[in-house]
Amino acid sequence: MKSDPRSHVVQLAEFSGHTLSDSDINLIVEKSSFKNMAAKLNEPDPAWRSERSNFARRGIVGDYKNYISNEQGEYLDQQCKIHLEPLGIYF
């Protein structure tokens, strides 16, 4: 997803039955980028009735290894396989 977000936005739109213009796709890609979302963390949002957290991970593929152990990663992989493969989601 990180290497080609545009194609994933198109796939999601098609899956959900929506047709998007090129400008809509570009806007979604821009607004959903890690850089853009991280910058928004400190902006007030009236929808959140409380203080926003300013925590954001670095957005680097594989960075989870700096936060969880190999055992925890294997457990998560196992749980994803159990719960996602029946839905046709493989990794």
Protein backbone atom coordinates (compact mmCIF):
# COMPACT_ATOMS: atom_id res chain seq x y z
CA MET A 1 0.00 0.00 0.00
CA LYS A 2 2.77 2.39 0.84
CA SER A 3 4.59 1.84 -2.43
CA ASP A 4 1.53 2.50 -4.64
CA PRO A 5 -1.28 4.16 -2.67
CA ARG A 6 -3.07 5.40 -5.78
CA SER A 7 -3.81 1.91 -7.09
CA HIS A 8 -5.09 0.85 -3.67
CA VAL A 9 -7.46 3.83 -3.52
CA VAL A 10 -8.79 2.82 -6.95
CA GLN A 11 -9.22 -0.81 -5.80
CA LEU A 12 -11.05 0.28 -2.64
CA ALA A 13 -13.34 2.54 -4.64
CA GLU A 14 -14.14 -0.23 -7.11
CA PHE A 15 -14.72 -2.71 -4.29
CA SER A 16 -17.15 -0.34 -2.57
CA GLY A 17 -18.96 0.45 -5.82
CA HIS A 18 -17.77 4.05 -6.15
CA THR A 19 -16.44 5.82 -9.20
CA LEU A 20 -13.83 8.47 -8.45
CA SER A 21 -12.39 11.17 -10.66
CA ASP A 22 -8.62 11.54 -10.96
CA SER A 23 -8.78 14.66 -8.79
CA ASP A 24 -10.74 12.76 -6.10
CA ILE A 25 -8.20 9.95 -6.14
CA ASN A 26 -5.31 12.41 -5.89
CA LEU A 27 -6.99 14.20 -2.98
CA ILE A 28 -7.57 10.95 -1.09
CA VAL A 29 -3.96 9.88 -1.64
CA GLU A 30 -2.73 13.26 -0.42
CA LYS A 31 -5.03 13.49 2.62
CA SER A 32 -4.36 9.90 3.71
CA SER A 33 -0.57 10.10 3.46
CA PHE A 34 1.36 9.49 6.64
CA LYS A 35 3.04 12.88 6.31
CA ASN A 36 -0.30 14.69 6.08
CA MET A 37 -1.96 12.75 8.91
CA ALA A 38 1.04 13.19 11.22
CA ALA A 39 0.95 16.95 10.59
CA LYS A 40 -2.74 17.02 11.55
CA LEU A 41 -2.21 15.44 14.97
CA ASN A 42 -1.78 18.78 16.72
CA GLU A 43 -4.69 20.53 15.03
CA PRO A 44 -7.88 20.85 17.08
CA ASP A 45 -10.77 18.70 15.93
CA PRO A 46 -14.24 19.52 17.28
CA ALA A 47 -15.39 15.96 16.53
CA TRP A 48 -13.08 14.74 19.29
CA ARG A 49 -14.49 16.02 22.53
CA SER A 50 -11.17 15.60 24.26
CA GLU A 51 -7.51 16.39 23.84
CA ARG A 52 -5.93 14.73 20.82
CA SER A 53 -2.91 12.55 21.23
CA ASN A 54 0.21 13.67 19.42
CA PHE A 55 1.57 10.14 19.18
CA ALA A 56 2.42 8.92 15.71
CA ARG A 57 4.76 6.18 14.67
CA ARG A 58 7.30 6.88 11.98
CA GLY A 59 5.32 5.31 9.13
CA ILE A 60 8.14 3.01 8.08
CA VAL A 61 7.28 -0.44 6.73
CA GLY A 62 8.55 -3.07 9.19
CA ASP A 63 9.07 -0.56 12.02
CA TYR A 64 6.85 -2.69 14.24
CA LYS A 65 9.94 -4.80 14.94
CA ASN A 66 11.22 -1.95 17.10
CA TYR A 67 8.11 -2.15 19.29
CA ILE A 68 7.15 -5.82 19.60
CA SER A 69 9.08 -9.03 20.08
CA ASN A 70 9.43 -11.78 17.49
CA GLU A 71 7.04 -13.90 19.57
CA GLN A 72 4.42 -11.14 19.56
CA GLY A 73 4.85 -10.69 15.80
CA GLU A 74 4.38 -14.40 15.20
CA TYR A 75 1.24 -14.36 17.36
CA LEU A 76 -0.18 -11.44 15.38
CA ASP A 77 0.62 -13.20 12.09
CA GLN A 78 -1.14 -16.32 13.34
CA GLN A 79 -4.22 -14.37 14.45
CA CYS A 80 -4.39 -12.47 11.15
CA LYS A 81 -4.22 -15.75 9.26
CA ILE A 82 -6.98 -17.31 11.38
CA HIS A 83 -9.32 -14.34 11.10
CA LEU A 84 -8.53 -12.85 7.70
CA GLU A 85 -8.00 -15.84 5.41
CA PRO A 86 -11.68 -16.89 5.70
CA LEU A 87 -12.47 -13.43 4.33
CA GLY A 88 -10.16 -13.97 1.35
CA ILE A 89 -7.41 -11.70 2.70
CA TYR A 90 -3.98 -13.28 2.40
CA PHE A 91 -0.56 -11.93 3.24
